[in-house]
Each structure stands twice: as structure tokens, then as C-alpha cells.
Amino acid sequence: MSTRTSAPDRRASSRFPIEREIRYKVLTKKNSEEIGVGKTVNMSRKGVYFTTDRMLPAGRRVEISISWPAQLNHRCALQLVARGSVVRCENGGAAMEIEQHEFKTRGTDSAGGLQ
């Protein structure tokens, strides 16, 4: 019989399972933009784990735009825009530490996606 105990969760903030559409942009000093799409898996006040269509190396700075379920004045769609650094990337997912965030009103492009 094993008496093995699981390691305690070292996260400072509780994570909540939230699945929302996401667009991300890798912030570089070059003029070229690396952009991608995915979905959030879970979020906390300090971080986001999301699916990604490419590897995002740890340390890369990214900006994410998340379609937010609440509306401003019950009629204007919102998006959460956050900037931070990738802390982990594995098997089609990336974890990002949030350094700055703000809510913006959300428009749609011709394909019906996030701006």
C-alpha cells in the first residue's frame, strides 16, 4: 500500500474552467506579426491557460483578446484584452501570466470573429 501524497498546488490564485474564443498576438520588435486563435481552458486573476495552434516558447510576450460573456449596459459586447508572458507551452496549449489587462468594447469583422 502506497502512502504517497500529492504535491500541494502552488498557484496563488484559484483557476476557473472558462471556455471562450481567444485570439492572440506574439509581441515582437519586428514589424511582422505572429497571430493565432484558440480557446481558453481556465483562467485566474493572474493567468490564462489556452489552446494554441503553434508553439509559444516560454518567455515570449503575448497579447490576448478573449470574447467576454458579459455585456456593457446589456447591449454592447466586451472583450478582455490582456498582455503578459508565456510561462509554459505544451501539447497544443499555453499558460500565460497576466501583467496588464483591460476591457474593451468588441466589434466584429466580416467573418463574425473578434477584432
N, C-alpha and C. Protein backbone atom coordinates (compact mmCIF):
# COMPACT_ATOMS: atom_id res chain seq x y z
N MET A 1 0.83 -1.17 0.00
CA MET A 1 0.00 0.00 0.00
C MET A 1 0.89 1.25 0.00
N SER A 2 0.60 2.17 -0.87
CA SER A 2 1.41 3.38 -1.00
C SER A 2 0.88 4.49 -0.10
N THR A 3 1.77 5.22 0.49
CA THR A 3 1.39 6.38 1.31
C THR A 3 1.77 7.67 0.62
N ARG A 4 1.87 7.61 -0.68
CA ARG A 4 2.27 8.76 -1.47
C ARG A 4 1.22 9.86 -1.40
N THR A 5 1.66 11.09 -1.18
CA THR A 5 0.73 12.22 -1.14
C THR A 5 0.98 13.09 -2.35
N SER A 6 -0.06 13.75 -2.81
CA SER A 6 0.10 14.63 -3.96
C SER A 6 0.72 15.95 -3.50
N ALA A 7 1.45 16.56 -4.42
CA ALA A 7 2.09 17.84 -4.13
C ALA A 7 1.03 18.92 -4.02
N PRO A 8 1.20 19.86 -3.12
CA PRO A 8 0.22 20.95 -2.99
C PRO A 8 0.24 21.85 -4.22
N ASP A 9 -0.89 22.43 -4.55
CA ASP A 9 -1.00 23.36 -5.67
C ASP A 9 -0.33 24.66 -5.25
N ARG A 10 0.69 25.11 -6.01
CA ARG A 10 1.45 26.30 -5.64
C ARG A 10 0.87 27.57 -6.24
N ARG A 11 -0.22 27.47 -6.97
CA ARG A 11 -0.79 28.66 -7.58
C ARG A 11 -1.30 29.62 -6.52
N ALA A 12 -1.06 30.90 -6.75
CA ALA A 12 -1.50 31.92 -5.80
C ALA A 12 -2.98 32.25 -5.97
N SER A 13 -3.56 31.96 -7.16
CA SER A 13 -4.95 32.29 -7.44
C SER A 13 -5.70 31.04 -7.89
N SER A 14 -6.96 30.94 -7.50
CA SER A 14 -7.79 29.83 -7.94
C SER A 14 -8.05 29.95 -9.43
N ARG A 15 -8.06 28.81 -10.12
CA ARG A 15 -8.35 28.78 -11.55
C ARG A 15 -9.80 28.35 -11.74
N PHE A 16 -10.44 28.94 -12.75
CA PHE A 16 -11.83 28.64 -13.04
C PHE A 16 -11.93 28.13 -14.47
N PRO A 17 -12.64 27.02 -14.67
CA PRO A 17 -12.78 26.49 -16.03
C PRO A 17 -13.71 27.37 -16.85
N ILE A 18 -13.14 28.12 -17.78
CA ILE A 18 -13.90 29.03 -18.64
C ILE A 18 -13.47 28.77 -20.07
N GLU A 19 -14.43 28.45 -20.94
CA GLU A 19 -14.12 28.22 -22.34
C GLU A 19 -14.69 29.35 -23.19
N ARG A 20 -13.80 30.17 -23.72
CA ARG A 20 -14.18 31.31 -24.56
C ARG A 20 -13.23 31.38 -25.75
N GLU A 21 -13.71 31.95 -26.86
CA GLU A 21 -12.85 32.14 -28.02
C GLU A 21 -11.74 33.13 -27.67
N ILE A 22 -10.58 32.90 -28.26
CA ILE A 22 -9.43 33.75 -27.98
C ILE A 22 -8.64 33.98 -29.27
N ARG A 23 -8.12 35.16 -29.39
CA ARG A 23 -7.13 35.48 -30.43
C ARG A 23 -5.89 35.94 -29.68
N TYR A 24 -4.74 35.54 -30.19
CA TYR A 24 -3.51 36.01 -29.55
C TYR A 24 -2.54 36.54 -30.59
N LYS A 25 -1.68 37.43 -30.11
CA LYS A 25 -0.67 38.04 -30.95
C LYS A 25 0.63 38.01 -30.19
N VAL A 26 1.67 37.47 -30.81
CA VAL A 26 3.01 37.47 -30.21
C VAL A 26 3.58 38.86 -30.42
N LEU A 27 4.00 39.48 -29.34
CA LEU A 27 4.54 40.83 -29.40
C LEU A 27 6.04 40.76 -29.67
N THR A 28 6.44 41.30 -30.82
CA THR A 28 7.85 41.28 -31.20
C THR A 28 8.29 42.69 -31.56
N LYS A 29 9.58 42.89 -31.62
CA LYS A 29 10.13 44.18 -32.02
C LYS A 29 10.12 44.31 -33.54
N LYS A 30 9.96 43.20 -34.24
CA LYS A 30 9.90 43.21 -35.70
C LYS A 30 8.53 43.69 -36.14
N ASN A 31 8.42 44.09 -37.38
CA ASN A 31 7.13 44.53 -37.92
C ASN A 31 6.19 43.36 -38.21
N SER A 32 6.73 42.16 -38.36
CA SER A 32 5.88 41.01 -38.66
C SER A 32 5.11 40.60 -37.41
N GLU A 33 3.86 40.19 -37.61
CA GLU A 33 3.02 39.75 -36.50
C GLU A 33 2.80 38.26 -36.56
N GLU A 34 2.91 37.61 -35.44
CA GLU A 34 2.52 36.22 -35.32
C GLU A 34 1.19 36.21 -34.60
N ILE A 35 0.15 35.74 -35.26
CA ILE A 35 -1.17 35.71 -34.65
C ILE A 35 -1.73 34.30 -34.68
N GLY A 36 -2.67 34.03 -33.81
CA GLY A 36 -3.29 32.72 -33.76
C GLY A 36 -4.62 32.79 -33.04
N VAL A 37 -5.32 31.66 -33.06
CA VAL A 37 -6.61 31.55 -32.40
C VAL A 37 -6.62 30.32 -31.51
N GLY A 38 -7.56 30.30 -30.59
CA GLY A 38 -7.72 29.16 -29.70
C GLY A 38 -8.91 29.37 -28.80
N LYS A 39 -8.91 28.67 -27.68
CA LYS A 39 -9.96 28.78 -26.67
C LYS A 39 -9.32 28.76 -25.29
N THR A 40 -9.90 29.53 -24.39
CA THR A 40 -9.42 29.46 -23.02
C THR A 40 -9.81 28.10 -22.44
N VAL A 41 -8.98 27.58 -21.56
CA VAL A 41 -9.26 26.33 -20.84
C VAL A 41 -9.60 26.67 -19.40
N ASN A 42 -8.77 27.52 -18.79
CA ASN A 42 -9.05 28.01 -17.45
C ASN A 42 -8.39 29.36 -17.26
N MET A 43 -8.91 30.09 -16.27
CA MET A 43 -8.42 31.44 -16.01
C MET A 43 -8.38 31.70 -14.51
N SER A 44 -7.50 32.61 -14.13
CA SER A 44 -7.48 33.16 -12.77
C SER A 44 -7.24 34.65 -12.92
N ARG A 45 -7.15 35.35 -11.82
CA ARG A 45 -6.91 36.79 -11.92
C ARG A 45 -5.48 37.07 -12.36
N LYS A 46 -4.59 36.07 -12.30
CA LYS A 46 -3.19 36.27 -12.66
C LYS A 46 -2.73 35.52 -13.90
N GLY A 47 -3.59 34.65 -14.45
CA GLY A 47 -3.13 33.87 -15.59
C GLY A 47 -4.25 33.24 -16.39
N VAL A 48 -3.88 32.79 -17.59
CA VAL A 48 -4.81 32.15 -18.51
C VAL A 48 -4.10 30.95 -19.13
N TYR A 49 -4.80 29.82 -19.20
CA TYR A 49 -4.32 28.67 -19.96
C TYR A 49 -5.24 28.53 -21.16
N PHE A 50 -4.66 28.48 -22.37
CA PHE A 50 -5.46 28.45 -23.58
C PHE A 50 -4.87 27.50 -24.62
N THR A 51 -5.74 27.04 -25.53
CA THR A 51 -5.27 26.21 -26.62
C THR A 51 -4.60 27.10 -27.65
N THR A 52 -3.64 26.55 -28.36
CA THR A 52 -2.89 27.31 -29.35
C THR A 52 -2.59 26.44 -30.55
N ASP A 53 -2.50 27.06 -31.72
CA ASP A 53 -2.23 26.31 -32.94
C ASP A 53 -0.73 26.27 -33.27
N ARG A 54 0.11 26.80 -32.38
CA ARG A 54 1.56 26.74 -32.58
C ARG A 54 2.26 26.80 -31.23
N MET A 55 3.53 26.44 -31.23
CA MET A 55 4.32 26.50 -30.00
C MET A 55 4.63 27.96 -29.67
N LEU A 56 4.40 28.34 -28.45
CA LEU A 56 4.75 29.66 -27.95
C LEU A 56 5.80 29.47 -26.86
N PRO A 57 7.05 29.72 -27.18
CA PRO A 57 8.11 29.47 -26.20
C PRO A 57 7.94 30.28 -24.92
N ALA A 58 8.32 29.67 -23.81
CA ALA A 58 8.27 30.37 -22.52
C ALA A 58 9.09 31.65 -22.62
N GLY A 59 8.57 32.70 -22.03
CA GLY A 59 9.23 33.99 -22.05
C GLY A 59 8.73 34.93 -23.14
N ARG A 60 8.05 34.38 -24.15
CA ARG A 60 7.52 35.25 -25.22
C ARG A 60 6.42 36.11 -24.66
N ARG A 61 6.40 37.38 -25.07
CA ARG A 61 5.33 38.30 -24.67
C ARG A 61 4.18 38.16 -25.65
N VAL A 62 2.97 38.09 -25.13
CA VAL A 62 1.79 37.95 -25.96
C VAL A 62 0.69 38.90 -25.51
N GLU A 63 -0.20 39.20 -26.45
CA GLU A 63 -1.42 39.93 -26.15
C GLU A 63 -2.56 39.03 -26.56
N ILE A 64 -3.53 38.85 -25.67
CA ILE A 64 -4.68 38.01 -25.97
C ILE A 64 -5.96 38.83 -25.92
N SER A 65 -6.91 38.46 -26.75
CA SER A 65 -8.25 39.07 -26.74
C SER A 65 -9.24 37.94 -26.54
N ILE A 66 -10.02 38.02 -25.47
CA ILE A 66 -10.97 36.98 -25.12
C ILE A 66 -12.38 37.53 -25.24
N SER A 67 -13.24 36.83 -25.98
CA SER A 67 -14.65 37.25 -26.04
C SER A 67 -15.23 37.08 -24.64
N TRP A 68 -15.80 38.13 -24.09
CA TRP A 68 -16.29 38.10 -22.71
C TRP A 68 -17.79 37.85 -22.71
N PRO A 69 -18.29 37.02 -21.80
CA PRO A 69 -19.72 36.67 -21.82
C PRO A 69 -20.65 37.80 -21.37
N ALA A 70 -20.14 38.76 -20.59
CA ALA A 70 -20.99 39.86 -20.11
C ALA A 70 -21.03 40.97 -21.14
N GLN A 71 -22.07 41.78 -21.07
CA GLN A 71 -22.21 42.92 -21.98
C GLN A 71 -22.27 44.22 -21.19
N LEU A 72 -21.79 45.27 -21.81
CA LEU A 72 -21.86 46.60 -21.22
C LEU A 72 -23.27 47.13 -21.44
N ASN A 73 -23.93 47.54 -20.36
CA ASN A 73 -25.31 48.04 -20.42
C ASN A 73 -26.27 47.07 -21.10
N HIS A 74 -25.98 45.79 -20.99
CA HIS A 74 -26.82 44.71 -21.54
C HIS A 74 -26.97 44.76 -23.05
N ARG A 75 -26.09 45.47 -23.77
CA ARG A 75 -26.24 45.50 -25.22
C ARG A 75 -24.93 45.63 -26.00
N CYS A 76 -23.83 45.93 -25.35
CA CYS A 76 -22.57 46.11 -26.07
C CYS A 76 -21.60 45.00 -25.67
N ALA A 77 -21.19 44.19 -26.66
CA ALA A 77 -20.28 43.07 -26.41
C ALA A 77 -18.92 43.58 -25.94
N LEU A 78 -18.30 42.81 -25.06
CA LEU A 78 -16.99 43.17 -24.50
C LEU A 78 -15.95 42.12 -24.84
N GLN A 79 -14.71 42.55 -24.78
CA GLN A 79 -13.59 41.61 -24.85
C GLN A 79 -12.58 41.99 -23.78
N LEU A 80 -11.95 40.98 -23.22
CA LEU A 80 -10.87 41.19 -22.26
C LEU A 80 -9.58 41.14 -23.06
N VAL A 81 -8.81 42.21 -22.98
CA VAL A 81 -7.51 42.27 -23.65
C VAL A 81 -6.45 42.25 -22.56
N ALA A 82 -5.54 41.29 -22.65
CA ALA A 82 -4.51 41.15 -21.62
C ALA A 82 -3.15 40.96 -22.29
N ARG A 83 -2.12 41.46 -21.62
CA ARG A 83 -0.74 41.28 -22.06
C ARG A 83 0.02 40.59 -20.95
N GLY A 84 0.99 39.80 -21.37
CA GLY A 84 1.82 39.12 -20.39
C GLY A 84 2.83 38.23 -21.07
N SER A 85 3.38 37.31 -20.30
CA SER A 85 4.43 36.42 -20.79
C SER A 85 3.98 34.97 -20.70
N VAL A 86 4.38 34.20 -21.70
CA VAL A 86 4.13 32.76 -21.70
C VAL A 86 5.02 32.14 -20.64
N VAL A 87 4.43 31.34 -19.76
CA VAL A 87 5.23 30.67 -18.74
C VAL A 87 5.39 29.18 -19.02
N ARG A 88 4.52 28.64 -19.91
CA ARG A 88 4.58 27.22 -20.24
C ARG A 88 3.83 26.98 -21.54
N CYS A 89 4.34 26.08 -22.38
CA CYS A 89 3.65 25.68 -23.60
C CYS A 89 3.84 24.18 -23.77
N GLU A 90 2.72 23.47 -23.97
CA GLU A 90 2.79 22.02 -24.08
C GLU A 90 1.58 21.47 -24.82
N ASN A 91 1.77 20.51 -25.66
CA ASN A 91 0.70 19.76 -26.32
C ASN A 91 -0.50 20.60 -26.74
N GLY A 92 -0.27 21.63 -27.51
CA GLY A 92 -1.37 22.44 -28.03
C GLY A 92 -1.97 23.43 -27.06
N GLY A 93 -1.27 23.73 -25.97
CA GLY A 93 -1.77 24.70 -25.00
C GLY A 93 -0.64 25.56 -24.47
N ALA A 94 -1.00 26.75 -24.01
CA ALA A 94 0.00 27.66 -23.44
C ALA A 94 -0.57 28.31 -22.19
N ALA A 95 0.28 28.53 -21.20
CA ALA A 95 -0.09 29.25 -19.99
C ALA A 95 0.58 30.61 -20.02
N MET A 96 -0.20 31.63 -19.72
CA MET A 96 0.30 33.00 -19.76
C MET A 96 0.08 33.66 -18.41
N GLU A 97 1.08 34.37 -17.93
CA GLU A 97 0.94 35.19 -16.73
C GLU A 97 0.46 36.57 -17.16
N ILE A 98 -0.66 37.03 -16.59
CA ILE A 98 -1.22 38.33 -16.95
C ILE A 98 -0.45 39.43 -16.22
N GLU A 99 0.05 40.40 -17.00
CA GLU A 99 0.75 41.55 -16.44
C GLU A 99 -0.08 42.82 -16.53
N GLN A 100 -0.91 42.94 -17.58
CA GLN A 100 -1.81 44.09 -17.77
C GLN A 100 -3.10 43.56 -18.37
N HIS A 101 -4.21 44.22 -18.05
CA HIS A 101 -5.47 43.84 -18.69
C HIS A 101 -6.43 45.02 -18.72
N GLU A 102 -7.38 44.96 -19.67
CA GLU A 102 -8.43 45.97 -19.75
C GLU A 102 -9.60 45.37 -20.53
N PHE A 103 -10.78 45.90 -20.27
CA PHE A 103 -11.95 45.51 -21.04
C PHE A 103 -12.18 46.55 -22.12
N LYS A 104 -12.51 46.08 -23.33
CA LYS A 104 -12.81 46.96 -24.44
C LYS A 104 -14.14 46.53 -25.04
N THR A 105 -14.80 47.47 -25.71
CA THR A 105 -16.00 47.08 -26.44
C THR A 105 -15.54 46.29 -27.65
N ARG A 106 -16.38 45.35 -28.07
CA ARG A 106 -15.99 44.43 -29.13
C ARG A 106 -16.82 44.64 -30.38
N GLY A 107 -16.15 44.82 -31.48
CA GLY A 107 -16.82 44.84 -32.78
C GLY A 107 -16.64 43.48 -33.41
N THR A 108 -17.20 43.29 -34.58
CA THR A 108 -16.99 42.04 -35.31
C THR A 108 -16.42 42.36 -36.67
N ASP A 109 -15.60 41.43 -37.17
CA ASP A 109 -15.11 41.58 -38.54
C ASP A 109 -16.11 40.96 -39.49
N SER A 110 -15.82 40.97 -40.76
CA SER A 110 -16.77 40.46 -41.74
C SER A 110 -17.03 38.97 -41.60
N ALA A 111 -16.13 38.24 -40.96
CA ALA A 111 -16.32 36.80 -40.76
C ALA A 111 -17.04 36.52 -39.45
N GLY A 112 -17.38 37.56 -38.68
CA GLY A 112 -18.10 37.37 -37.43
C GLY A 112 -17.22 37.04 -36.24
N GLY A 113 -15.89 37.21 -36.39
CA GLY A 113 -14.98 36.88 -35.30
C GLY A 113 -14.62 38.09 -34.48
N LEU A 114 -13.66 37.92 -33.60
CA LEU A 114 -13.19 39.02 -32.76
C LEU A 114 -12.33 39.96 -33.57
N GLN A 115 -12.31 41.19 -33.15
CA GLN A 115 -11.38 42.16 -33.77
C GLN A 115 -10.03 41.98 -33.16
